Amino acid sequence: MKVSMSETILKPFILVVAFIKNTYKNFFKQLTEISVESIGWIGVAALHVATIPGLLAVMSGLSDDTPNIDMSLLLWTALMLFFLKALLKKDMVMIFIITMGFIVQCVLMALIFFK
């Protein structure tokens, strides 16, 4: 089998183009996975801070209205589901963050109820 001169010259360029194409594809695949994880983290953070303004307003005396119990129960249910998901995935960082959120929520509620 005889290899032509043009095939010999073009082979390195073809390899470089294939490398760049694979790198580009892998980069955007990783970027998509990071973005999906970031959305999950933002969701957990939003759930944690949803009741904090109302609880802080009650603690500081700016308001006498505590957050609605149904809203609090729905938020805690969502956090419990995120917590179970993290346990099943064995995601220790997410478990730690959600546990810290539960502790902060419990402390704020205890400060209000036992004031």
PDB file of N, CA and C in Angstrom:
ATOM      1  N   MET A   1       0.843  -1.173   0.000  1.00  0.00           N
ATOM      2  CA  MET A   1       0.000   0.000   0.000  1.00  0.00           C
ATOM      3  C   MET A   1       0.884   1.231   0.000  1.00  0.00           C
ATOM      4  N   LYS A   2       0.633   2.066  -0.966  1.00  0.00           N
ATOM      5  CA  LYS A   2       1.442   3.264  -1.127  1.00  0.00           C
ATOM      6  C   LYS A   2       0.679   4.451  -0.557  1.00  0.00           C
ATOM      7  N   VAL A   3       1.378   5.233   0.288  1.00  0.00           N
ATOM      8  CA  VAL A   3       0.777   6.411   0.901  1.00  0.00           C
ATOM      9  C   VAL A   3       1.211   7.625   0.100  1.00  0.00           C
ATOM     10  N   SER A   4       0.246   8.438  -0.259  1.00  0.00           N
ATOM     11  CA  SER A   4       0.581   9.616  -1.050  1.00  0.00           C
ATOM     12  C   SER A   4       1.160  10.703  -0.167  1.00  0.00           C
ATOM     13  N   MET A   5       1.804  11.654  -0.788  1.00  0.00           N
ATOM     14  CA  MET A   5       2.441  12.758  -0.081  1.00  0.00           C
ATOM     15  C   MET A   5       1.410  13.647   0.616  1.00  0.00           C
ATOM     16  N   SER A   6       0.252  13.848  -0.020  1.00  0.00           N
ATOM     17  CA  SER A   6      -0.777  14.710   0.572  1.00  0.00           C
ATOM     18  C   SER A   6      -1.360  14.068   1.838  1.00  0.00           C
ATOM     19  N   GLU A   7      -1.522  12.742   1.855  1.00  0.00           N
ATOM     20  CA  GLU A   7      -2.013  12.078   3.058  1.00  0.00           C
ATOM     21  C   GLU A   7      -1.011  12.197   4.199  1.00  0.00           C
ATOM     22  N   THR A   8       0.246  12.117   3.924  1.00  0.00           N
ATOM     23  CA  THR A   8       1.287  12.236   4.938  1.00  0.00           C
ATOM     24  C   THR A   8       1.317  13.641   5.513  1.00  0.00           C
ATOM     25  N   ILE A   9       1.136  14.632   4.683  1.00  0.00           N
ATOM     26  CA  ILE A   9       1.166  16.026   5.135  1.00  0.00           C
ATOM     27  C   ILE A   9      -0.106  16.366   5.919  1.00  0.00           C
ATOM     28  N   LEU A  10      -1.240  15.869   5.486  1.00  0.00           N
ATOM     29  CA  LEU A  10      -2.512  16.227   6.109  1.00  0.00           C
ATOM     30  C   LEU A  10      -2.809  15.469   7.400  1.00  0.00           C
ATOM     31  N   LYS A  11      -2.167  14.320   7.622  1.00  0.00           N
ATOM     32  CA  LYS A  11      -2.476  13.513   8.790  1.00  0.00           C
ATOM     33  C   LYS A  11      -2.309  14.282  10.110  1.00  0.00           C
ATOM     34  N   PRO A  12      -1.221  15.028  10.349  1.00  0.00           N
ATOM     35  CA  PRO A  12      -1.109  15.783  11.607  1.00  0.00           C
ATOM     36  C   PRO A  12      -2.217  16.825  11.764  1.00  0.00           C
ATOM     37  N   PHE A  13      -2.605  17.470  10.686  1.00  0.00           N
ATOM     38  CA  PHE A  13      -3.667  18.476  10.754  1.00  0.00           C
ATOM     39  C   PHE A  13      -5.011  17.824  11.103  1.00  0.00           C
ATOM     40  N   ILE A  14      -5.255  16.663  10.535  1.00  0.00           N
ATOM     41  CA  ILE A  14      -6.494  15.942  10.834  1.00  0.00           C
ATOM     42  C   ILE A  14      -6.527  15.548  12.305  1.00  0.00           C
ATOM     43  N   LEU A  15      -5.396  15.100  12.831  1.00  0.00           N
ATOM     44  CA  LEU A  15      -5.320  14.739  14.250  1.00  0.00           C
ATOM     45  C   LEU A  15      -5.544  15.952  15.150  1.00  0.00           C
ATOM     46  N   VAL A  16      -4.981  17.094  14.781  1.00  0.00           N
ATOM     47  CA  VAL A  16      -5.159  18.322  15.573  1.00  0.00           C
ATOM     48  C   VAL A  16      -6.612  18.761  15.542  1.00  0.00           C
ATOM     49  N   VAL A  17      -7.243  18.713  14.392  1.00  0.00           N
ATOM     50  CA  VAL A  17      -8.649  19.091  14.281  1.00  0.00           C
ATOM     51  C   VAL A  17      -9.524  18.154  15.109  1.00  0.00           C
ATOM     52  N   ALA A  18      -9.238  16.863  15.075  1.00  0.00           N
ATOM     53  CA  ALA A  18     -10.001  15.908  15.878  1.00  0.00           C
ATOM     54  C   ALA A  18      -9.805  16.178  17.372  1.00  0.00           C
ATOM     55  N   PHE A  19      -8.585  16.494  17.775  1.00  0.00           N
ATOM     56  CA  PHE A  19      -8.301  16.814  19.179  1.00  0.00           C
ATOM     57  C   PHE A  19      -9.076  18.052  19.622  1.00  0.00           C
ATOM     58  N   ILE A  20      -9.049  19.096  18.800  1.00  0.00           N
ATOM     59  CA  ILE A  20      -9.770  20.339  19.134  1.00  0.00           C
ATOM     60  C   ILE A  20     -11.269  20.076  19.206  1.00  0.00           C
ATOM     61  N   LYS A  21     -11.781  19.288  18.288  1.00  0.00           N
ATOM     62  CA  LYS A  21     -13.213  18.966  18.267  1.00  0.00           C
ATOM     63  C   LYS A  21     -13.613  18.213  19.540  1.00  0.00           C
ATOM     64  N   ASN A  22     -12.825  17.216  19.949  1.00  0.00           N
ATOM     65  CA  ASN A  22     -13.124  16.455  21.166  1.00  0.00           C
ATOM     66  C   ASN A  22     -12.999  17.321  22.413  1.00  0.00           C
ATOM     67  N   THR A  23     -11.996  18.188  22.459  1.00  0.00           N
ATOM     68  CA  THR A  23     -11.815  19.079  23.599  1.00  0.00           C
ATOM     69  C   THR A  23     -12.996  20.031  23.718  1.00  0.00           C
ATOM     70  N   TYR A  24     -13.424  20.582  22.622  1.00  0.00           N
ATOM     71  CA  TYR A  24     -14.576  21.494  22.583  1.00  0.00           C
ATOM     72  C   TYR A  24     -15.830  20.781  23.074  1.00  0.00           C
ATOM     73  N   LYS A  25     -16.049  19.577  22.594  1.00  0.00           N
ATOM     74  CA  LYS A  25     -17.227  18.799  22.973  1.00  0.00           C
ATOM     75  C   LYS A  25     -17.200  18.466  24.471  1.00  0.00           C
ATOM     76  N   ASN A  26     -16.053  18.036  24.985  1.00  0.00           N
ATOM     77  CA  ASN A  26     -15.933  17.701  26.401  1.00  0.00           C
ATOM     78  C   ASN A  26     -16.069  18.936  27.288  1.00  0.00           C
ATOM     79  N   PHE A  27     -15.551  20.069  26.832  1.00  0.00           N
ATOM     80  CA  PHE A  27     -15.654  21.309  27.609  1.00  0.00           C
ATOM     81  C   PHE A  27     -17.113  21.692  27.810  1.00  0.00           C
ATOM     82  N   PHE A  28     -17.896  21.672  26.759  1.00  0.00           N
ATOM     83  CA  PHE A  28     -19.300  22.062  26.879  1.00  0.00           C
ATOM     84  C   PHE A  28     -20.124  21.014  27.620  1.00  0.00           C
ATOM     85  N   LYS A  29     -19.718  19.754  27.541  1.00  0.00           N
ATOM     86  CA  LYS A  29     -20.384  18.731  28.335  1.00  0.00           C
ATOM     87  C   LYS A  29     -20.153  18.999  29.821  1.00  0.00           C
ATOM     88  N   GLN A  30     -18.918  19.307  30.207  1.00  0.00           N
ATOM     89  CA  GLN A  30     -18.601  19.616  31.600  1.00  0.00           C
ATOM     90  C   GLN A  30     -19.293  20.898  32.046  1.00  0.00           C
ATOM     91  N   LEU A  31     -19.328  21.895  31.177  1.00  0.00           N
ATOM     92  CA  LEU A  31     -19.983  23.163  31.502  1.00  0.00           C
ATOM     93  C   LEU A  31     -21.468  22.956  31.768  1.00  0.00           C
ATOM     94  N   THR A  32     -22.105  22.103  30.994  1.00  0.00           N
ATOM     95  CA  THR A  32     -23.521  21.801  31.193  1.00  0.00           C
ATOM     96  C   THR A  32     -23.730  21.104  32.532  1.00  0.00           C
ATOM     97  N   GLU A  33     -22.865  20.151  32.872  1.00  0.00           N
ATOM     98  CA  GLU A  33     -22.993  19.445  34.152  1.00  0.00           C
ATOM     99  C   GLU A  33     -22.786  20.406  35.315  1.00  0.00           C
ATOM    100  N   ILE A  34     -21.830  21.316  35.207  1.00  0.00           N
ATOM    101  CA  ILE A  34     -21.590  22.297  36.261  1.00  0.00           C
ATOM    102  C   ILE A  34     -22.800  23.212  36.399  1.00  0.00           C
ATOM    103  N   SER A  35     -23.369  23.631  35.295  1.00  0.00           N
ATOM    104  CA  SER A  35     -24.534  24.509  35.337  1.00  0.00           C
ATOM    105  C   SER A  35     -25.722  23.826  36.003  1.00  0.00           C
ATOM    106  N   VAL A  36     -25.927  22.558  35.715  1.00  0.00           N
ATOM    107  CA  VAL A  36     -27.025  21.820  36.320  1.00  0.00           C
ATOM    108  C   VAL A  36     -26.818  21.722  37.823  1.00  0.00           C
ATOM    109  N   GLU A  37     -25.601  21.437  38.259  1.00  0.00           N
ATOM    110  CA  GLU A  37     -25.305  21.371  39.688  1.00  0.00           C
ATOM    111  C   GLU A  37     -25.511  22.737  40.344  1.00  0.00           C
ATOM    112  N   SER A  38     -25.107  23.805  39.661  1.00  0.00           N
ATOM    113  CA  SER A  38     -25.268  25.154  40.214  1.00  0.00           C
ATOM    114  C   SER A  38     -26.736  25.497  40.419  1.00  0.00           C
ATOM    115  N   ILE A  39     -27.578  25.091  39.497  1.00  0.00           N
ATOM    116  CA  ILE A  39     -29.009  25.351  39.642  1.00  0.00           C
ATOM    117  C   ILE A  39     -29.547  24.636  40.880  1.00  0.00           C
ATOM    118  N   GLY A  40     -29.097  23.425  41.125  1.00  0.00           N
ATOM    119  CA  GLY A  40     -29.508  22.700  42.323  1.00  0.00           C
ATOM    120  C   GLY A  40     -29.065  23.405  43.600  1.00  0.00           C
ATOM    121  N   TRP A  41     -27.824  23.905  43.607  1.00  0.00           N
ATOM    122  CA  TRP A  41     -27.318  24.627  44.784  1.00  0.00           C
ATOM    123  C   TRP A  41     -28.114  25.906  45.018  1.00  0.00           C
ATOM    124  N   ILE A  42     -28.413  26.624  43.949  1.00  0.00           N
ATOM    125  CA  ILE A  42     -29.190  27.864  44.085  1.00  0.00           C
ATOM    126  C   ILE A  42     -30.593  27.541  44.600  1.00  0.00           C
ATOM    127  N   GLY A  43     -31.167  26.445  44.149  1.00  0.00           N
ATOM    128  CA  GLY A  43     -32.484  26.029  44.627  1.00  0.00           C
ATOM    129  C   GLY A  43     -32.485  25.734  46.117  1.00  0.00           C
ATOM    130  N   VAL A  44     -31.463  25.034  46.589  1.00  0.00           N
ATOM    131  CA  VAL A  44     -31.370  24.736  48.019  1.00  0.00           C
ATOM    132  C   VAL A  44     -31.191  26.019  48.820  1.00  0.00           C
ATOM    133  N   ALA A  45     -30.341  26.907  48.347  1.00  0.00           N
ATOM    134  CA  ALA A  45     -30.123  28.181  49.053  1.00  0.00           C
ATOM    135  C   ALA A  45     -31.412  29.001  49.093  1.00  0.00           C
ATOM    136  N   ALA A  46     -32.147  29.028  48.000  1.00  0.00           N
ATOM    137  CA  ALA A  46     -33.407  29.789  47.971  1.00  0.00           C
ATOM    138  C   ALA A  46     -34.422  29.208  48.942  1.00  0.00           C
ATOM    139  N   LEU A  47     -34.463  27.890  49.043  1.00  0.00           N
ATOM    140  CA  LEU A  47     -35.383  27.270  49.999  1.00  0.00           C
ATOM    141  C   LEU A  47     -35.008  27.619  51.437  1.00  0.00           C
ATOM    142  N   HIS A  48     -33.716  27.627  51.711  1.00  0.00           N
ATOM    143  CA  HIS A  48     -33.265  27.939  53.071  1.00  0.00           C
ATOM    144  C   HIS A  48     -33.594  29.371  53.473  1.00  0.00           C
ATOM    145  N   VAL A  49     -33.433  30.300  52.582  1.00  0.00           N
ATOM    146  CA  VAL A  49     -33.605  31.712  52.961  1.00  0.00           C
ATOM    147  C   VAL A  49     -35.026  32.227  52.755  1.00  0.00           C
ATOM    148  N   ALA A  50     -35.944  31.381  52.317  1.00  0.00           N
ATOM    149  CA  ALA A  50     -37.309  31.844  52.046  1.00  0.00           C
ATOM    150  C   ALA A  50     -38.024  32.335  53.304  1.00  0.00           C
ATOM    151  N   THR A  51     -37.814  31.692  54.436  1.00  0.00           N
ATOM    152  CA  THR A  51     -38.512  32.091  55.657  1.00  0.00           C
ATOM    153  C   THR A  51     -37.695  32.999  56.559  1.00  0.00           C
ATOM    154  N   ILE A  52     -36.430  33.178  56.263  1.00  0.00           N
ATOM    155  CA  ILE A  52     -35.565  33.966  57.152  1.00  0.00           C
ATOM    156  C   ILE A  52     -35.996  35.429  57.259  1.00  0.00           C
ATOM    157  N   PRO A  53     -36.370  36.140  56.194  1.00  0.00           N
ATOM    158  CA  PRO A  53     -36.797  37.535  56.376  1.00  0.00           C
ATOM    159  C   PRO A  53     -37.976  37.685  57.339  1.00  0.00           C
ATOM    160  N   GLY A  54     -38.959  36.799  57.209  1.00  0.00           N
ATOM    161  CA  GLY A  54     -40.107  36.857  58.115  1.00  0.00           C
ATOM    162  C   GLY A  54     -39.722  36.556  59.556  1.00  0.00           C
ATOM    163  N   LEU A  55     -38.850  35.571  59.734  1.00  0.00           N
ATOM    164  CA  LEU A  55     -38.416  35.228  61.084  1.00  0.00           C
ATOM    165  C   LEU A  55     -37.589  36.349  61.705  1.00  0.00           C
ATOM    166  N   LEU A  56     -36.729  36.963  60.920  1.00  0.00           N
ATOM    167  CA  LEU A  56     -35.932  38.085  61.440  1.00  0.00           C
ATOM    168  C   LEU A  56     -36.803  39.300  61.745  1.00  0.00           C
ATOM    169  N   ALA A  57     -37.845  39.537  60.954  1.00  0.00           N
ATOM    170  CA  ALA A  57     -38.764  40.655  61.222  1.00  0.00           C
ATOM    171  C   ALA A  57     -39.501  40.441  62.537  1.00  0.00           C
ATOM    172  N   VAL A  58     -39.902  39.211  62.814  1.00  0.00           N
ATOM    173  CA  VAL A  58     -40.574  38.912  64.076  1.00  0.00           C
ATOM    174  C   VAL A  58     -39.600  39.082  65.250  1.00  0.00           C
ATOM    175  N   MET A  59     -38.366  38.615  65.068  1.00  0.00           N
ATOM    176  CA  MET A  59     -37.372  38.717  66.141  1.00  0.00           C
ATOM    177  C   MET A  59     -37.019  40.160  66.459  1.00  0.00           C
ATOM    178  N   SER A  60     -36.951  41.009  65.443  1.00  0.00           N
ATOM    179  CA  SER A  60     -36.555  42.405  65.665  1.00  0.00           C
ATOM    180  C   SER A  60     -37.738  43.287  66.062  1.00  0.00           C
ATOM    181  N   GLY A  61     -38.938  42.743  66.043  1.00  0.00           N
ATOM    182  CA  GLY A  61     -40.105  43.503  66.452  1.00  0.00           C
ATOM    183  C   GLY A  61     -40.734  44.332  65.347  1.00  0.00           C
ATOM    184  N   LEU A  62     -40.267  44.186  64.125  1.00  0.00           N
ATOM    185  CA  LEU A  62     -40.834  44.933  63.008  1.00  0.00           C
ATOM    186  C   LEU A  62     -42.191  44.396  62.589  1.00  0.00           C
ATOM    187  N   SER A  63     -42.470  43.151  62.925  1.00  0.00           N
ATOM    188  CA  SER A  63     -43.729  42.537  62.538  1.00  0.00           C
ATOM    189  C   SER A  63     -44.159  41.565  63.628  1.00  0.00           C
ATOM    190  N   ASP A  64     -45.462  41.393  63.757  1.00  0.00           N
ATOM    191  CA  ASP A  64     -45.990  40.402  64.683  1.00  0.00           C
ATOM    192  C   ASP A  64     -46.443  39.148  63.955  1.00  0.00           C
ATOM    193  N   ASP A  65     -46.382  39.168  62.641  1.00  0.00           N
ATOM    194  CA  ASP A  65     -46.849  38.045  61.831  1.00  0.00           C
ATOM    195  C   ASP A  65     -45.698  37.086  61.541  1.00  0.00           C
ATOM    196  N   THR A  66     -45.833  35.875  62.023  1.00  0.00           N
ATOM    197  CA  THR A  66     -44.843  34.857  61.677  1.00  0.00           C
ATOM    198  C   THR A  66     -45.155  34.325  60.277  1.00  0.00           C
ATOM    199  N   PRO A  67     -44.173  33.714  59.617  1.00  0.00           N
ATOM    200  CA  PRO A  67     -44.451  33.135  58.298  1.00  0.00           C
ATOM    201  C   PRO A  67     -45.562  32.093  58.389  1.00  0.00           C
ATOM    202  N   ASN A  68     -46.349  31.989  57.342  1.00  0.00           N
ATOM    203  CA  ASN A  68     -47.450  31.022  57.314  1.00  0.00           C
ATOM    204  C   ASN A  68     -46.933  29.612  57.534  1.00  0.00           C
ATOM    205  N   ILE A  69     -47.682  28.837  58.299  1.00  0.00           N
ATOM    206  CA  ILE A  69     -47.266  27.474  58.602  1.00  0.00           C
ATOM    207  C   ILE A  69     -47.254  26.587  57.362  1.00  0.00           C
ATOM    208  N   ASP A  70     -48.191  26.818  56.441  1.00  0.00           N
ATOM    209  CA  ASP A  70     -48.204  25.993  55.231  1.00  0.00           C
ATOM    210  C   ASP A  70     -46.990  26.260  54.360  1.00  0.00           C
ATOM    211  N   MET A  71     -46.553  27.515  54.281  1.00  0.00           N
ATOM    212  CA  MET A  71     -45.352  27.827  53.513  1.00  0.00           C
ATOM    213  C   MET A  71     -44.133  27.174  54.162  1.00  0.00           C
ATOM    214  N   SER A  72     -44.052  27.285  55.479  1.00  0.00           N
ATOM    215  CA  SER A  72     -42.920  26.685  56.193  1.00  0.00           C
ATOM    216  C   SER A  72     -42.896  25.176  56.018  1.00  0.00           C
ATOM    217  N   LEU A  73     -44.069  24.543  56.104  1.00  0.00           N
ATOM    218  CA  LEU A  73     -44.119  23.087  55.937  1.00  0.00           C
ATOM    219  C   LEU A  73     -43.729  22.655  54.531  1.00  0.00           C
ATOM    220  N   LEU A  74     -44.182  23.401  53.532  1.00  0.00           N
ATOM    221  CA  LEU A  74     -43.812  23.074  52.151  1.00  0.00           C
ATOM    222  C   LEU A  74     -42.314  23.260  51.929  1.00  0.00           C
ATOM    223  N   LEU A  75     -41.749  24.313  52.481  1.00  0.00           N
ATOM    224  CA  LEU A  75     -40.312  24.541  52.328  1.00  0.00           C
ATOM    225  C   LEU A  75     -39.506  23.452  53.036  1.00  0.00           C
ATOM    226  N   TRP A  76     -39.928  23.085  54.232  1.00  0.00           N
ATOM    227  CA  TRP A  76     -39.221  22.039  54.963  1.00  0.00           C
ATOM    228  C   TRP A  76     -39.361  20.691  54.253  1.00  0.00           C
ATOM    229  N   THR A  77     -40.507  20.444  53.640  1.00  0.00           N
ATOM    230  CA  THR A  77     -40.687  19.210  52.872  1.00  0.00           C
ATOM    231  C   THR A  77     -39.741  19.193  51.677  1.00  0.00           C
ATOM    232  N   ALA A  78     -39.646  20.313  50.979  1.00  0.00           N
ATOM    233  CA  ALA A  78     -38.723  20.394  49.836  1.00  0.00           C
ATOM    234  C   ALA A  78     -37.278  20.184  50.293  1.00  0.00           C
ATOM    235  N   LEU A  79     -36.918  20.785  51.418  1.00  0.00           N
ATOM    236  CA  LEU A  79     -35.562  20.594  51.926  1.00  0.00           C
ATOM    237  C   LEU A  79     -35.310  19.146  52.329  1.00  0.00           C
ATOM    238  N   MET A  80     -36.303  18.511  52.913  1.00  0.00           N
ATOM    239  CA  MET A  80     -36.152  17.095  53.279  1.00  0.00           C
ATOM    240  C   MET A  80     -35.960  16.234  52.034  1.00  0.00           C
ATOM    241  N   LEU A  81     -36.673  16.568  50.958  1.00  0.00           N
ATOM    242  CA  LEU A  81     -36.504  15.815  49.718  1.00  0.00           C
ATOM    243  C   LEU A  81     -35.110  16.032  49.129  1.00  0.00           C
ATOM    244  N   PHE A  82     -34.629  17.276  49.162  1.00  0.00           N
ATOM    245  CA  PHE A  82     -33.253  17.535  48.718  1.00  0.00           C
ATOM    246  C   PHE A  82     -32.265  16.780  49.599  1.00  0.00           C
ATOM    247  N   PHE A  83     -32.541  16.730  50.901  1.00  0.00           N
ATOM    248  CA  PHE A  83     -31.666  16.032  51.836  1.00  0.00           C
ATOM    249  C   PHE A  83     -31.632  14.536  51.529  1.00  0.00           C
ATOM    250  N   LEU A  84     -32.801  13.940  51.273  1.00  0.00           N
ATOM    251  CA  LEU A  84     -32.846  12.524  50.907  1.00  0.00           C
ATOM    252  C   LEU A  84     -32.105  12.255  49.601  1.00  0.00           C
ATOM    253  N   LYS A  85     -32.255  13.162  48.644  1.00  0.00           N
ATOM    254  CA  LYS A  85     -31.530  13.020  47.372  1.00  0.00           C
ATOM    255  C   LYS A  85     -30.024  13.043  47.619  1.00  0.00           C
ATOM    256  N   ALA A  86     -29.583  13.970  48.478  1.00  0.00           N
ATOM    257  CA  ALA A  86     -28.155  14.065  48.783  1.00  0.00           C
ATOM    258  C   ALA A  86     -27.673  12.811  49.509  1.00  0.00           C
ATOM    259  N   LEU A  87     -28.493  12.272  50.397  1.00  0.00           N
ATOM    260  CA  LEU A  87     -28.112  11.033  51.086  1.00  0.00           C
ATOM    261  C   LEU A  87     -27.968   9.881  50.106  1.00  0.00           C
ATOM    262  N   LEU A  88     -28.906   9.778  49.174  1.00  0.00           N
ATOM    263  CA  LEU A  88     -28.851   8.693  48.196  1.00  0.00           C
ATOM    264  C   LEU A  88     -27.650   8.835  47.260  1.00  0.00           C
ATOM    265  N   LYS A  89     -27.321  10.079  46.904  1.00  0.00           N
ATOM    266  CA  LYS A  89     -26.160  10.315  46.033  1.00  0.00           C
ATOM    267  C   LYS A  89     -24.849  10.318  46.819  1.00  0.00           C
ATOM    268  N   LYS A  90     -24.949  10.317  48.165  1.00  0.00           N
ATOM    269  CA  LYS A  90     -23.788  10.396  49.055  1.00  0.00           C
ATOM    270  C   LYS A  90     -22.975  11.660  48.784  1.00  0.00           C
ATOM    271  N   ASP A  91     -23.686  12.759  48.575  1.00  0.00           N
ATOM    272  CA  ASP A  91     -23.075  14.062  48.331  1.00  0.00           C
ATOM    273  C   ASP A  91     -22.873  14.754  49.680  1.00  0.00           C
ATOM    274  N   MET A  92     -21.683  14.606  50.245  1.00  0.00           N
ATOM    275  CA  MET A  92     -21.422  15.072  51.603  1.00  0.00           C
ATOM    276  C   MET A  92     -21.517  16.593  51.736  1.00  0.00           C
ATOM    277  N   VAL A  93     -21.134  17.314  50.721  1.00  0.00           N
ATOM    278  CA  VAL A  93     -21.203  18.774  50.790  1.00  0.00           C
ATOM    279  C   VAL A  93     -22.661  19.224  50.869  1.00  0.00           C
ATOM    280  N   MET A  94     -23.506  18.661  50.037  1.00  0.00           N
ATOM    281  CA  MET A  94     -24.926  19.014  50.050  1.00  0.00           C
ATOM    282  C   MET A  94     -25.565  18.605  51.379  1.00  0.00           C
ATOM    283  N   ILE A  95     -25.207  17.446  51.901  1.00  0.00           N
ATOM    284  CA  ILE A  95     -25.731  17.000  53.203  1.00  0.00           C
ATOM    285  C   ILE A  95     -25.342  18.005  54.279  1.00  0.00           C
ATOM    286  N   PHE A  96     -24.085  18.441  54.270  1.00  0.00           N
ATOM    287  CA  PHE A  96     -23.610  19.407  55.262  1.00  0.00           C
ATOM    288  C   PHE A  96     -24.358  20.735  55.145  1.00  0.00           C
ATOM    289  N   ILE A  97     -24.506  21.246  53.918  1.00  0.00           N
ATOM    290  CA  ILE A  97     -25.168  22.538  53.705  1.00  0.00           C
ATOM    291  C   ILE A  97     -26.627  22.483  54.153  1.00  0.00           C
ATOM    292  N   ILE A  98     -27.337  21.426  53.787  1.00  0.00           N
ATOM    293  CA  ILE A  98     -28.738  21.320  54.166  1.00  0.00           C
ATOM    294  C   ILE A  98     -28.868  21.161  55.681  1.00  0.00           C
ATOM    295  N   THR A  99     -27.977  20.389  56.301  1.00  0.00           N
ATOM    296  CA  THR A  99     -28.015  20.231  57.752  1.00  0.00           C
ATOM    297  C   THR A  99     -27.783  21.566  58.443  1.00  0.00           C
ATOM    298  N   MET A 100     -26.829  22.353  57.949  1.00  0.00           N
ATOM    299  CA  MET A 100     -26.581  23.683  58.532  1.00  0.00           C
ATOM    300  C   MET A 100     -27.817  24.579  58.362  1.00  0.00           C
ATOM    301  N   GLY A 101     -28.474  24.485  57.236  1.00  0.00           N
ATOM    302  CA  GLY A 101     -29.699  25.258  57.014  1.00  0.00           C
ATOM    303  C   GLY A 101     -30.798  24.869  57.987  1.00  0.00           C
ATOM    304  N   PHE A 102     -30.955  23.566  58.216  1.00  0.00           N
ATOM    305  CA  PHE A 102     -31.941  23.113  59.194  1.00  0.00           C
ATOM    306  C   PHE A 102     -31.614  23.645  60.587  1.00  0.00           C
ATOM    307  N   ILE A 103     -30.349  23.617  60.950  1.00  0.00           N
ATOM    308  CA  ILE A 103     -29.946  24.094  62.278  1.00  0.00           C
ATOM    309  C   ILE A 103     -30.243  25.585  62.425  1.00  0.00           C
ATOM    310  N   VAL A 104     -29.893  26.380  61.402  1.00  0.00           N
ATOM    311  CA  VAL A 104     -30.158  27.825  61.464  1.00  0.00           C
ATOM    312  C   VAL A 104     -31.658  28.090  61.560  1.00  0.00           C
ATOM    313  N   GLN A 105     -32.458  27.380  60.773  1.00  0.00           N
ATOM    314  CA  GLN A 105     -33.914  27.551  60.824  1.00  0.00           C
ATOM    315  C   GLN A 105     -34.452  27.190  62.213  1.00  0.00           C
ATOM    316  N   CYS A 106     -33.975  26.107  62.783  1.00  0.00           N
ATOM    317  CA  CYS A 106     -34.436  25.687  64.109  1.00  0.00           C
ATOM    318  C   CYS A 106     -34.045  26.697  65.181  1.00  0.00           C
ATOM    319  N   VAL A 107     -32.831  27.229  65.099  1.00  0.00           N
ATOM    320  CA  VAL A 107     -32.387  28.227  66.078  1.00  0.00           C
ATOM    321  C   VAL A 107     -33.238  29.485  65.972  1.00  0.00           C
ATOM    322  N   LEU A 108     -33.491  29.952  64.756  1.00  0.00           N
ATOM    323  CA  LEU A 108     -34.318  31.150  64.585  1.00  0.00           C
ATOM    324  C   LEU A 108     -35.729  30.928  65.133  1.00  0.00           C
ATOM    325  N   MET A 109     -36.312  29.766  64.829  1.00  0.00           N
ATOM    326  CA  MET A 109     -37.655  29.482  65.335  1.00  0.00           C
ATOM    327  C   MET A 109     -37.653  29.374  66.867  1.00  0.00           C
ATOM    328  N   ALA A 110     -36.624  28.759  67.423  1.00  0.00           N
ATOM    329  CA  ALA A 110     -36.549  28.628  68.884  1.00  0.00           C
ATOM    330  C   ALA A 110     -36.409  30.012  69.531  1.00  0.00           C
ATOM    331  N   LEU A 111     -35.626  30.890  68.928  1.00  0.00           N
ATOM    332  CA  LEU A 111     -35.474  32.242  69.482  1.00  0.00           C
ATOM    333  C   LEU A 111     -36.800  32.992  69.476  1.00  0.00           C
ATOM    334  N   ILE A 112     -37.613  32.746  68.472  1.00  0.00           N
ATOM    335  CA  ILE A 112     -38.928  33.409  68.415  1.00  0.00           C
ATOM    336  C   ILE A 112     -39.884  32.812  69.434  1.00  0.00           C
ATOM    337  N   PHE A 113     -39.977  31.488  69.468  1.00  0.00           N
ATOM    338  CA  PHE A 113     -40.974  30.835  70.325  1.00  0.00           C
ATOM    339  C   PHE A 113     -40.624  30.910  71.807  1.00  0.00           C
ATOM    340  N   PHE A 114     -39.337  30.929  72.134  1.00  0.00           N
ATOM    341  CA  PHE A 114     -38.928  30.932  73.535  1.00  0.00           C
ATOM    342  C   PHE A 114     -38.407  32.301  73.967  1.00  0.00           C
ATOM    343  N   LYS A 115     -38.858  33.319  73.317  1.00  0.00           N
ATOM    344  CA  LYS A 115     -38.415  34.686  73.583  1.00  0.00           C
ATOM    345  C   LYS A 115     -38.911  35.162  74.917  1.00  0.00           C
TER     346      LYS A 115
END
